[in-house]
Amino acid sequence: MGFGRPKRKSAPLDENALFDYAVKSLGSRMRTVRDLKRLMRMRVEEGESGERTVDAVVARLKDLRYLDDTRFANDYTRLRQENEKFGRRRVQQGLIQRGIHKDIITTTLSDAYDPIDEPTLLRQYIARKRIKEPTGDRETVQKQSARIMRALVRAGFSSTSIFKVLRQWKIEVNESDLQAEEQVEEQAFAEDAAEE
């Protein structure tokens, strides 16, 4: 139930007006081709002529180098890796959700993550999030350890790296539980990506 008068649908934009709208939209934040097309489709007439207009604007933006999924993937990966300290899998999931092509994702992630030692990045993530070594009685330590493991899996780190870092804290980790947690996380992501 809405309040006030119902919104009138605005008149469809022609190619030049749609181009201006797209440039303004790109000026406010990075966007992928898929994101921008979704936004522009709401501003054009429905059907084939609207799709042609959207495609023409996208081609023009690409020619001007305003729109580039490879550049988006590189910037997104760099920011998530340097600022957030996320692991490879978390960044990969984000790129997939944003509609980046698999080949671009593979190349971008290889360039960004292959030269980096994942356990070192994981330690940086732990420091950034101020995750403390579990303390207390055995049951408390187990609960805290499970919570930490889930957080590290969600952050995109491999079970091997998590196991290595937690072992340094002298925490007993059941590697099969950790791998099961990774599988649950990947399945949840796959379901989210299928809904998009």
N, C-alpha and C. Protein backbone atom coordinates (compact mmCIF):
# COMPACT_ATOMS: atom_id res chain seq x y z
N MET A 1 0.85 -1.16 0.00
CA MET A 1 0.00 0.00 0.00
C MET A 1 0.90 1.23 0.00
N GLY A 2 0.76 2.04 -1.01
CA GLY A 2 1.59 3.23 -1.12
C GLY A 2 0.84 4.46 -0.66
N PHE A 3 1.54 5.47 -0.31
CA PHE A 3 0.95 6.73 0.12
C PHE A 3 1.11 7.75 -0.98
N GLY A 4 0.19 8.68 -1.06
CA GLY A 4 0.29 9.73 -2.06
C GLY A 4 -0.17 9.25 -3.43
N ARG A 5 0.11 10.06 -4.41
CA ARG A 5 -0.28 9.72 -5.78
C ARG A 5 0.65 8.67 -6.35
N PRO A 6 0.12 7.80 -7.19
CA PRO A 6 1.00 6.81 -7.83
C PRO A 6 1.95 7.52 -8.79
N LYS A 7 3.16 6.99 -8.89
CA LYS A 7 4.16 7.58 -9.77
C LYS A 7 3.80 7.30 -11.22
N ARG A 8 3.95 8.33 -12.02
CA ARG A 8 3.75 8.14 -13.46
C ARG A 8 5.07 7.67 -14.04
N LYS A 9 4.97 6.76 -14.98
CA LYS A 9 6.18 6.31 -15.65
C LYS A 9 6.66 7.44 -16.55
N SER A 10 7.96 7.75 -16.46
CA SER A 10 8.49 8.84 -17.26
C SER A 10 8.56 8.41 -18.73
N ALA A 11 8.58 9.40 -19.58
CA ALA A 11 8.63 9.14 -21.02
C ALA A 11 9.96 8.47 -21.37
N PRO A 12 9.93 7.52 -22.30
CA PRO A 12 11.17 6.84 -22.69
C PRO A 12 12.19 7.84 -23.25
N LEU A 13 13.45 7.57 -22.95
CA LEU A 13 14.53 8.44 -23.41
C LEU A 13 14.98 8.04 -24.81
N ASP A 14 15.38 9.05 -25.59
CA ASP A 14 15.98 8.74 -26.89
C ASP A 14 17.46 8.41 -26.67
N GLU A 15 18.19 8.09 -27.72
CA GLU A 15 19.56 7.63 -27.60
C GLU A 15 20.47 8.67 -26.94
N ASN A 16 20.36 9.93 -27.33
CA ASN A 16 21.22 10.97 -26.75
C ASN A 16 20.92 11.19 -25.27
N ALA A 17 19.65 11.23 -24.92
CA ALA A 17 19.28 11.41 -23.51
C ALA A 17 19.71 10.20 -22.69
N LEU A 18 19.58 9.01 -23.28
CA LEU A 18 19.99 7.79 -22.59
C LEU A 18 21.51 7.78 -22.39
N PHE A 19 22.24 8.26 -23.38
CA PHE A 19 23.70 8.36 -23.25
C PHE A 19 24.06 9.29 -22.09
N ASP A 20 23.42 10.44 -22.03
CA ASP A 20 23.68 11.38 -20.93
C ASP A 20 23.36 10.74 -19.58
N TYR A 21 22.25 10.03 -19.51
CA TYR A 21 21.87 9.33 -18.28
C TYR A 21 22.93 8.30 -17.90
N ALA A 22 23.42 7.55 -18.88
CA ALA A 22 24.42 6.52 -18.63
C ALA A 22 25.74 7.12 -18.15
N VAL A 23 26.17 8.21 -18.76
CA VAL A 23 27.41 8.87 -18.35
C VAL A 23 27.28 9.39 -16.92
N LYS A 24 26.14 9.97 -16.60
CA LYS A 24 25.91 10.46 -15.24
C LYS A 24 25.92 9.28 -14.25
N SER A 25 25.32 8.19 -14.64
CA SER A 25 25.29 7.01 -13.78
C SER A 25 26.69 6.45 -13.56
N LEU A 26 27.50 6.42 -14.60
CA LEU A 26 28.88 5.95 -14.48
C LEU A 26 29.74 6.92 -13.67
N GLY A 27 29.36 8.18 -13.67
CA GLY A 27 30.09 9.17 -12.90
C GLY A 27 29.90 9.01 -11.40
N SER A 28 28.78 8.41 -11.02
CA SER A 28 28.52 8.27 -9.59
C SER A 28 29.13 7.01 -8.99
N ARG A 29 29.31 5.96 -9.82
CA ARG A 29 29.95 4.74 -9.31
C ARG A 29 30.32 3.81 -10.46
N MET A 30 31.28 2.91 -10.17
CA MET A 30 31.69 1.94 -11.18
C MET A 30 30.52 1.01 -11.49
N ARG A 31 30.36 0.65 -12.73
CA ARG A 31 29.29 -0.27 -13.12
C ARG A 31 29.81 -1.23 -14.18
N THR A 32 29.22 -2.41 -14.18
CA THR A 32 29.51 -3.37 -15.24
C THR A 32 28.54 -3.13 -16.39
N VAL A 33 28.82 -3.76 -17.52
CA VAL A 33 27.93 -3.65 -18.67
C VAL A 33 26.54 -4.13 -18.28
N ARG A 34 26.48 -5.27 -17.58
CA ARG A 34 25.18 -5.83 -17.19
C ARG A 34 24.41 -4.87 -16.29
N ASP A 35 25.08 -4.27 -15.30
CA ASP A 35 24.43 -3.32 -14.39
C ASP A 35 23.87 -2.12 -15.15
N LEU A 36 24.69 -1.57 -16.02
CA LEU A 36 24.27 -0.38 -16.74
C LEU A 36 23.12 -0.68 -17.69
N LYS A 37 23.18 -1.82 -18.36
CA LYS A 37 22.07 -2.20 -19.25
C LYS A 37 20.77 -2.33 -18.46
N ARG A 38 20.85 -2.92 -17.28
CA ARG A 38 19.65 -3.09 -16.44
C ARG A 38 19.06 -1.72 -16.10
N LEU A 39 19.91 -0.77 -15.72
CA LEU A 39 19.43 0.57 -15.41
C LEU A 39 18.82 1.26 -16.63
N MET A 40 19.49 1.14 -17.77
CA MET A 40 19.02 1.83 -18.96
C MET A 40 17.72 1.24 -19.50
N ARG A 41 17.51 -0.05 -19.32
CA ARG A 41 16.27 -0.68 -19.81
C ARG A 41 15.03 -0.09 -19.15
N MET A 42 15.19 0.43 -17.96
CA MET A 42 14.05 1.05 -17.27
C MET A 42 13.74 2.43 -17.83
N ARG A 43 14.63 2.97 -18.64
CA ARG A 43 14.48 4.34 -19.16
C ARG A 43 14.12 4.39 -20.65
N VAL A 44 14.00 3.22 -21.28
CA VAL A 44 13.67 3.20 -22.71
C VAL A 44 12.34 2.48 -22.91
N GLU A 45 11.80 2.60 -24.11
CA GLU A 45 10.56 1.89 -24.39
C GLU A 45 10.83 0.39 -24.43
N GLU A 46 9.84 -0.36 -24.08
CA GLU A 46 9.99 -1.81 -24.05
C GLU A 46 10.07 -2.36 -25.47
N GLY A 47 10.68 -3.51 -25.58
CA GLY A 47 10.73 -4.19 -26.87
C GLY A 47 12.05 -4.03 -27.58
N GLU A 48 11.99 -4.38 -28.84
CA GLU A 48 13.19 -4.44 -29.67
C GLU A 48 13.85 -3.08 -29.89
N SER A 49 13.05 -2.04 -30.08
CA SER A 49 13.64 -0.72 -30.33
C SER A 49 14.36 -0.21 -29.08
N GLY A 50 13.83 -0.50 -27.91
CA GLY A 50 14.50 -0.12 -26.67
C GLY A 50 15.82 -0.84 -26.51
N GLU A 51 15.83 -2.13 -26.84
CA GLU A 51 17.08 -2.91 -26.76
C GLU A 51 18.12 -2.37 -27.73
N ARG A 52 17.68 -1.99 -28.94
CA ARG A 52 18.62 -1.41 -29.91
C ARG A 52 19.22 -0.11 -29.38
N THR A 53 18.41 0.69 -28.73
CA THR A 53 18.89 1.95 -28.16
C THR A 53 19.92 1.68 -27.06
N VAL A 54 19.61 0.74 -26.19
CA VAL A 54 20.53 0.38 -25.10
C VAL A 54 21.84 -0.14 -25.68
N ASP A 55 21.76 -1.03 -26.67
CA ASP A 55 22.97 -1.59 -27.28
C ASP A 55 23.81 -0.50 -27.96
N ALA A 56 23.14 0.45 -28.60
CA ALA A 56 23.87 1.54 -29.27
C ALA A 56 24.61 2.40 -28.24
N VAL A 57 23.96 2.69 -27.12
CA VAL A 57 24.60 3.50 -26.08
C VAL A 57 25.77 2.74 -25.47
N VAL A 58 25.59 1.44 -25.21
CA VAL A 58 26.67 0.63 -24.64
C VAL A 58 27.87 0.61 -25.59
N ALA A 59 27.62 0.44 -26.89
CA ALA A 59 28.71 0.43 -27.87
C ALA A 59 29.45 1.77 -27.87
N ARG A 60 28.69 2.85 -27.79
CA ARG A 60 29.30 4.19 -27.78
C ARG A 60 30.15 4.39 -26.51
N LEU A 61 29.63 3.93 -25.37
CA LEU A 61 30.38 4.06 -24.12
C LEU A 61 31.66 3.22 -24.14
N LYS A 62 31.59 2.05 -24.75
CA LYS A 62 32.78 1.21 -24.86
C LYS A 62 33.82 1.86 -25.79
N ASP A 63 33.35 2.43 -26.89
CA ASP A 63 34.28 3.11 -27.81
C ASP A 63 35.00 4.26 -27.12
N LEU A 64 34.30 4.96 -26.25
CA LEU A 64 34.89 6.08 -25.52
C LEU A 64 35.67 5.63 -24.28
N ARG A 65 35.64 4.34 -24.04
CA ARG A 65 36.33 3.71 -22.90
C ARG A 65 35.76 4.16 -21.55
N TYR A 66 34.48 4.50 -21.54
CA TYR A 66 33.79 4.83 -20.30
C TYR A 66 33.29 3.57 -19.61
N LEU A 67 33.11 2.52 -20.39
CA LEU A 67 32.54 1.28 -19.88
C LEU A 67 33.45 0.13 -20.30
N ASP A 68 33.99 -0.56 -19.30
CA ASP A 68 34.95 -1.63 -19.59
C ASP A 68 34.91 -2.64 -18.44
N ASP A 69 34.38 -3.83 -18.70
CA ASP A 69 34.27 -4.86 -17.66
C ASP A 69 35.64 -5.33 -17.16
N THR A 70 36.65 -5.34 -18.02
CA THR A 70 37.98 -5.75 -17.59
C THR A 70 38.55 -4.76 -16.58
N ARG A 71 38.40 -3.49 -16.87
CA ARG A 71 38.86 -2.46 -15.94
C ARG A 71 38.07 -2.52 -14.64
N PHE A 72 36.75 -2.74 -14.76
CA PHE A 72 35.92 -2.88 -13.56
C PHE A 72 36.43 -4.03 -12.70
N ALA A 73 36.69 -5.19 -13.33
CA ALA A 73 37.15 -6.38 -12.60
C ALA A 73 38.50 -6.11 -11.92
N ASN A 74 39.40 -5.45 -12.61
CA ASN A 74 40.71 -5.14 -12.03
C ASN A 74 40.58 -4.19 -10.83
N ASP A 75 39.78 -3.14 -10.99
CA ASP A 75 39.60 -2.18 -9.90
C ASP A 75 38.88 -2.82 -8.72
N TYR A 76 37.83 -3.57 -9.00
CA TYR A 76 37.06 -4.24 -7.94
C TYR A 76 37.97 -5.20 -7.16
N THR A 77 38.76 -5.99 -7.88
CA THR A 77 39.65 -6.96 -7.24
C THR A 77 40.70 -6.25 -6.40
N ARG A 78 41.32 -5.23 -6.96
CA ARG A 78 42.36 -4.50 -6.23
C ARG A 78 41.80 -3.88 -4.95
N LEU A 79 40.63 -3.26 -5.04
CA LEU A 79 40.04 -2.63 -3.86
C LEU A 79 39.67 -3.65 -2.79
N ARG A 80 39.10 -4.77 -3.20
CA ARG A 80 38.70 -5.80 -2.22
C ARG A 80 39.92 -6.47 -1.60
N GLN A 81 40.95 -6.61 -2.38
CA GLN A 81 42.16 -7.26 -1.87
C GLN A 81 42.96 -6.31 -0.97
N GLU A 82 43.19 -5.10 -1.42
CA GLU A 82 44.02 -4.16 -0.66
C GLU A 82 43.30 -3.57 0.55
N ASN A 83 42.04 -3.19 0.38
CA ASN A 83 41.32 -2.51 1.45
C ASN A 83 40.61 -3.48 2.40
N GLU A 84 39.91 -4.44 1.84
CA GLU A 84 39.12 -5.36 2.65
C GLU A 84 39.91 -6.59 3.09
N LYS A 85 40.99 -6.88 2.37
CA LYS A 85 41.84 -8.06 2.63
C LYS A 85 41.07 -9.36 2.39
N PHE A 86 40.13 -9.34 1.45
CA PHE A 86 39.35 -10.54 1.15
C PHE A 86 40.17 -11.57 0.39
N GLY A 87 39.81 -12.82 0.58
CA GLY A 87 40.43 -13.92 -0.13
C GLY A 87 39.92 -14.02 -1.56
N ARG A 88 40.58 -14.84 -2.33
CA ARG A 88 40.30 -15.01 -3.74
C ARG A 88 38.85 -15.40 -4.02
N ARG A 89 38.33 -16.37 -3.27
CA ARG A 89 36.99 -16.88 -3.55
C ARG A 89 35.92 -15.81 -3.31
N ARG A 90 36.09 -15.00 -2.29
CA ARG A 90 35.11 -13.94 -2.00
C ARG A 90 35.07 -12.92 -3.14
N VAL A 91 36.23 -12.55 -3.64
CA VAL A 91 36.29 -11.59 -4.75
C VAL A 91 35.70 -12.23 -6.02
N GLN A 92 36.00 -13.49 -6.23
CA GLN A 92 35.45 -14.20 -7.39
C GLN A 92 33.92 -14.20 -7.34
N GLN A 93 33.37 -14.48 -6.18
CA GLN A 93 31.92 -14.49 -6.03
C GLN A 93 31.32 -13.11 -6.32
N GLY A 94 31.97 -12.08 -5.86
CA GLY A 94 31.49 -10.72 -6.12
C GLY A 94 31.50 -10.38 -7.61
N LEU A 95 32.54 -10.80 -8.30
CA LEU A 95 32.62 -10.53 -9.74
C LEU A 95 31.56 -11.31 -10.51
N ILE A 96 31.33 -12.54 -10.11
CA ILE A 96 30.29 -13.35 -10.77
C ILE A 96 28.93 -12.70 -10.56
N GLN A 97 28.65 -12.26 -9.35
CA GLN A 97 27.36 -11.63 -9.05
C GLN A 97 27.15 -10.36 -9.86
N ARG A 98 28.22 -9.70 -10.24
CA ARG A 98 28.10 -8.47 -11.01
C ARG A 98 28.10 -8.70 -12.52
N GLY A 99 28.12 -9.97 -12.92
CA GLY A 99 27.96 -10.28 -14.34
C GLY A 99 29.23 -10.22 -15.16
N ILE A 100 30.38 -10.33 -14.55
CA ILE A 100 31.64 -10.31 -15.29
C ILE A 100 31.86 -11.68 -15.92
N HIS A 101 32.36 -11.70 -17.15
CA HIS A 101 32.60 -12.95 -17.88
C HIS A 101 33.66 -13.79 -17.18
N LYS A 102 33.50 -15.10 -17.23
CA LYS A 102 34.40 -16.02 -16.52
C LYS A 102 35.86 -15.89 -16.94
N ASP A 103 36.11 -15.66 -18.22
CA ASP A 103 37.50 -15.52 -18.68
C ASP A 103 38.17 -14.29 -18.07
N ILE A 104 37.42 -13.20 -17.97
CA ILE A 104 37.96 -11.98 -17.36
C ILE A 104 38.24 -12.22 -15.88
N ILE A 105 37.32 -12.92 -15.22
CA ILE A 105 37.49 -13.23 -13.79
C ILE A 105 38.75 -14.06 -13.58
N THR A 106 38.92 -15.10 -14.37
CA THR A 106 40.07 -15.98 -14.23
C THR A 106 41.37 -15.22 -14.39
N THR A 107 41.48 -14.42 -15.42
CA THR A 107 42.69 -13.65 -15.68
C THR A 107 42.95 -12.64 -14.57
N THR A 108 41.91 -11.92 -14.18
CA THR A 108 42.05 -10.88 -13.15
C THR A 108 42.50 -11.49 -11.82
N LEU A 109 41.86 -12.57 -11.40
CA LEU A 109 42.20 -13.18 -10.13
C LEU A 109 43.60 -13.80 -10.15
N SER A 110 43.98 -14.37 -11.28
CA SER A 110 45.33 -14.94 -11.39
C SER A 110 46.37 -13.84 -11.24
N ASP A 111 46.15 -12.73 -11.93
CA ASP A 111 47.11 -11.61 -11.84
C ASP A 111 47.20 -11.05 -10.42
N ALA A 112 46.06 -10.99 -9.74
CA ALA A 112 46.04 -10.36 -8.42
C ALA A 112 46.45 -11.30 -7.29
N TYR A 113 46.05 -12.57 -7.36
CA TYR A 113 46.24 -13.45 -6.21
C TYR A 113 47.38 -14.46 -6.34
N ASP A 114 47.80 -14.79 -7.54
CA ASP A 114 48.89 -15.77 -7.68
C ASP A 114 50.19 -15.31 -7.02
N PRO A 115 50.58 -14.04 -7.13
CA PRO A 115 51.83 -13.62 -6.49
C PRO A 115 51.74 -13.44 -4.97
N ILE A 116 50.55 -13.54 -4.41
CA ILE A 116 50.36 -13.26 -2.98
C ILE A 116 50.31 -14.56 -2.19
N ASP A 117 50.92 -14.54 -1.02
CA ASP A 117 50.86 -15.66 -0.09
C ASP A 117 49.53 -15.57 0.66
N GLU A 118 48.64 -16.53 0.44
CA GLU A 118 47.30 -16.45 1.03
C GLU A 118 47.31 -16.44 2.56
N PRO A 119 48.12 -17.27 3.23
CA PRO A 119 48.14 -17.17 4.70
C PRO A 119 48.53 -15.77 5.21
N THR A 120 49.41 -15.09 4.50
CA THR A 120 49.79 -13.72 4.89
C THR A 120 48.59 -12.78 4.75
N LEU A 121 47.86 -12.90 3.63
CA LEU A 121 46.66 -12.09 3.42
C LEU A 121 45.62 -12.42 4.49
N LEU A 122 45.50 -13.68 4.84
CA LEU A 122 44.56 -14.10 5.87
C LEU A 122 44.92 -13.46 7.21
N ARG A 123 46.20 -13.44 7.55
CA ARG A 123 46.63 -12.79 8.79
C ARG A 123 46.32 -11.30 8.77
N GLN A 124 46.48 -10.68 7.61
CA GLN A 124 46.14 -9.26 7.48
C GLN A 124 44.64 -9.05 7.68
N TYR A 125 43.83 -9.97 7.16
CA TYR A 125 42.38 -9.90 7.35
C TYR A 125 42.05 -10.02 8.84
N ILE A 126 42.68 -10.98 9.52
CA ILE A 126 42.46 -11.18 10.95
C ILE A 126 42.82 -9.91 11.72
N ALA A 127 43.94 -9.29 11.37
CA ALA A 127 44.35 -8.05 12.04
C ALA A 127 43.36 -6.92 11.74
N ARG A 128 42.92 -6.83 10.49
CA ARG A 128 41.99 -5.77 10.10
C ARG A 128 40.67 -5.90 10.85
N LYS A 129 40.20 -7.12 11.01
CA LYS A 129 38.93 -7.37 11.71
C LYS A 129 39.10 -7.50 13.22
N ARG A 130 40.35 -7.41 13.66
CA ARG A 130 40.67 -7.51 15.10
C ARG A 130 40.15 -8.82 15.71
N ILE A 131 40.34 -9.88 14.98
CA ILE A 131 39.94 -11.20 15.47
C ILE A 131 40.99 -11.67 16.47
N LYS A 132 40.54 -12.02 17.63
CA LYS A 132 41.43 -12.44 18.72
C LYS A 132 41.50 -13.96 18.81
N GLU A 133 42.64 -14.41 19.29
CA GLU A 133 42.83 -15.84 19.52
C GLU A 133 41.84 -16.30 20.59
N PRO A 134 41.14 -17.42 20.34
CA PRO A 134 40.16 -17.91 21.31
C PRO A 134 40.81 -18.23 22.66
N THR A 135 40.09 -17.89 23.73
CA THR A 135 40.58 -18.18 25.08
C THR A 135 39.42 -18.73 25.91
N GLY A 136 39.75 -19.30 27.04
CA GLY A 136 38.74 -19.81 27.95
C GLY A 136 38.82 -21.32 28.06
N ASP A 137 37.72 -21.90 28.56
CA ASP A 137 37.71 -23.36 28.68
C ASP A 137 37.56 -24.00 27.31
N ARG A 138 37.68 -25.30 27.26
CA ARG A 138 37.69 -26.04 25.99
C ARG A 138 36.43 -25.78 25.16
N GLU A 139 35.28 -25.78 25.79
CA GLU A 139 34.02 -25.58 25.07
C GLU A 139 33.94 -24.17 24.48
N THR A 140 34.36 -23.18 25.26
CA THR A 140 34.36 -21.79 24.79
C THR A 140 35.32 -21.62 23.62
N VAL A 141 36.49 -22.22 23.74
CA VAL A 141 37.48 -22.14 22.66
C VAL A 141 36.93 -22.78 21.39
N GLN A 142 36.24 -23.91 21.53
CA GLN A 142 35.67 -24.58 20.36
C GLN A 142 34.61 -23.71 19.69
N LYS A 143 33.75 -23.09 20.48
CA LYS A 143 32.71 -22.22 19.92
C LYS A 143 33.32 -21.01 19.22
N GLN A 144 34.30 -20.39 19.87
CA GLN A 144 34.96 -19.23 19.28
C GLN A 144 35.69 -19.62 18.00
N SER A 145 36.34 -20.79 18.03
CA SER A 145 37.08 -21.27 16.85
C SER A 145 36.13 -21.50 15.68
N ALA A 146 34.97 -22.10 15.95
CA ALA A 146 33.99 -22.36 14.89
C ALA A 146 33.50 -21.04 14.29
N ARG A 147 33.26 -20.05 15.14
CA ARG A 147 32.82 -18.74 14.65
C ARG A 147 33.90 -18.10 13.78
N ILE A 148 35.14 -18.19 14.22
CA ILE A 148 36.26 -17.62 13.46
C ILE A 148 36.41 -18.34 12.12
N MET A 149 36.31 -19.66 12.13
CA MET A 149 36.44 -20.42 10.87
C MET A 149 35.35 -20.02 9.89
N ARG A 150 34.11 -19.88 10.36
CA ARG A 150 33.02 -19.48 9.46
C ARG A 150 33.29 -18.09 8.87
N ALA A 151 33.78 -17.18 9.70
CA ALA A 151 34.08 -15.83 9.22
C ALA A 151 35.18 -15.86 8.15
N LEU A 152 36.19 -16.68 8.36
CA LEU A 152 37.30 -16.75 7.40
C LEU A 152 36.88 -17.42 6.10
N VAL A 153 35.99 -18.40 6.19
CA VAL A 153 35.47 -19.03 4.97
C VAL A 153 34.64 -18.01 4.20
N ARG A 154 33.78 -17.25 4.89
CA ARG A 154 32.98 -16.21 4.23
C ARG A 154 33.85 -15.14 3.61
N ALA A 155 35.02 -14.89 4.19
CA ALA A 155 35.94 -13.88 3.65
C ALA A 155 36.68 -14.39 2.42
N GLY A 156 36.48 -15.66 2.07
CA GLY A 156 37.02 -16.17 0.81
C GLY A 156 38.34 -16.90 0.89
N PHE A 157 38.74 -17.34 2.06
CA PHE A 157 40.02 -18.02 2.19
C PHE A 157 39.85 -19.53 2.10
N SER A 158 40.90 -20.20 1.62
CA SER A 158 40.86 -21.65 1.45
C SER A 158 41.02 -22.34 2.80
N SER A 159 40.51 -23.55 2.88
CA SER A 159 40.60 -24.31 4.13
C SER A 159 42.06 -24.58 4.50
N THR A 160 42.92 -24.75 3.50
CA THR A 160 44.34 -24.99 3.76
C THR A 160 44.96 -23.82 4.51
N SER A 161 44.69 -22.60 4.05
CA SER A 161 45.26 -21.41 4.70
C SER A 161 44.65 -21.21 6.08
N ILE A 162 43.36 -21.40 6.21
CA ILE A 162 42.71 -21.25 7.51
C ILE A 162 43.29 -22.24 8.50
N PHE A 163 43.44 -23.48 8.05
CA PHE A 163 43.98 -24.53 8.90
C PHE A 163 45.39 -24.17 9.36
N LYS A 164 46.19 -23.65 8.44
CA LYS A 164 47.58 -23.28 8.75
C LYS A 164 47.64 -22.18 9.81
N VAL A 165 46.82 -21.17 9.66
CA VAL A 165 46.84 -20.05 10.60
C VAL A 165 46.27 -20.46 11.96
N LEU A 166 45.19 -21.20 11.97
CA LEU A 166 44.59 -21.61 13.24
C LEU A 166 45.48 -22.60 13.99
N ARG A 167 46.22 -23.40 13.25
CA ARG A 167 47.15 -24.34 13.89
C ARG A 167 48.24 -23.59 14.64
N GLN A 168 48.63 -22.42 14.13
CA GLN A 168 49.62 -21.59 14.83
C GLN A 168 49.08 -21.09 16.16
N TRP A 169 47.77 -20.97 16.25
CA TRP A 169 47.13 -20.59 17.52
C TRP A 169 46.93 -21.80 18.42
N LYS A 170 47.39 -22.94 17.95
CA LYS A 170 47.27 -24.21 18.67
C LYS A 170 45.80 -24.60 18.88
N ILE A 171 45.00 -24.31 17.85
CA ILE A 171 43.58 -24.67 17.88
C ILE A 171 43.42 -25.97 17.11
N GLU A 172 42.71 -26.89 17.71
CA GLU A 172 42.44 -28.15 17.03
C GLU A 172 41.33 -27.90 16.01
N VAL A 173 41.64 -28.16 14.75
CA VAL A 173 40.69 -27.93 13.68
C VAL A 173 40.44 -29.24 12.96
N ASN A 174 39.18 -29.57 12.81
CA ASN A 174 38.80 -30.74 12.04
C ASN A 174 38.70 -30.29 10.58
N GLU A 175 39.65 -30.72 9.77
CA GLU A 175 39.73 -30.22 8.40
C GLU A 175 38.49 -30.59 7.59
N SER A 176 37.86 -31.72 7.86
CA SER A 176 36.66 -32.11 7.11
C SER A 176 35.51 -31.15 7.44
N ASP A 177 35.42 -30.67 8.69
CA ASP A 177 34.39 -29.69 9.05
C ASP A 177 34.61 -28.39 8.29
N LEU A 178 35.87 -27.99 8.17
CA LEU A 178 36.21 -26.76 7.48
C LEU A 178 35.87 -26.86 5.99
N GLN A 179 36.16 -27.99 5.38
CA GLN A 179 35.83 -28.19 3.97
C GLN A 179 34.32 -28.25 3.77
N ALA A 180 33.60 -28.84 4.73
CA ALA A 180 32.14 -28.87 4.65
C ALA A 180 31.58 -27.46 4.72
N GLU A 181 32.17 -26.63 5.57
CA GLU A 181 31.76 -25.22 5.70
C GLU A 181 31.99 -24.48 4.38
N GLU A 182 33.12 -24.75 3.72
CA GLU A 182 33.40 -24.13 2.42
C GLU A 182 32.35 -24.54 1.40
N GLN A 183 31.97 -25.81 1.39
CA GLN A 183 30.98 -26.29 0.44
C GLN A 183 29.62 -25.65 0.68
N VAL A 184 29.24 -25.49 1.94
CA VAL A 184 27.97 -24.83 2.26
C VAL A 184 28.00 -23.40 1.76
N GLU A 185 29.12 -22.70 1.96
CA GLU A 185 29.26 -21.32 1.52
C GLU A 185 29.18 -21.23 -0.01
N GLU A 186 29.84 -22.13 -0.72
CA GLU A 186 29.81 -22.13 -2.18
C GLU A 186 28.41 -22.42 -2.70
N GLN A 187 27.69 -23.34 -2.04
CA GLN A 187 26.33 -23.67 -2.46
C GLN A 187 25.40 -22.47 -2.25
N ALA A 188 25.54 -21.79 -1.12
CA ALA A 188 24.73 -20.60 -0.85
C ALA A 188 25.00 -19.53 -1.90
N PHE A 189 26.27 -19.36 -2.27
CA PHE A 189 26.61 -18.39 -3.31
C PHE A 189 25.99 -18.78 -4.64
N ALA A 190 26.07 -20.07 -5.00
CA ALA A 190 25.51 -20.53 -6.27
C ALA A 190 24.00 -20.27 -6.33
N GLU A 191 23.32 -20.46 -5.21
CA GLU A 191 21.89 -20.20 -5.17
C GLU A 191 21.60 -18.71 -5.33
N ASP A 192 22.41 -17.86 -4.69
CA ASP A 192 22.25 -16.41 -4.82
C ASP A 192 22.49 -15.96 -6.26
N ALA A 193 23.53 -16.52 -6.89
CA ALA A 193 23.86 -16.15 -8.26
C ALA A 193 22.77 -16.59 -9.23
N ALA A 194 22.14 -17.75 -8.96
CA ALA A 194 21.07 -18.26 -9.82
C ALA A 194 19.83 -17.37 -9.75
N GLU A 195 19.59 -16.74 -8.60
CA GLU A 195 18.43 -15.88 -8.44
C GLU A 195 18.58 -14.58 -9.20
N GLU A 196 19.83 -14.14 -9.46
CA GLU A 196 20.06 -12.85 -10.13
C GLU A 196 19.68 -12.88 -11.56
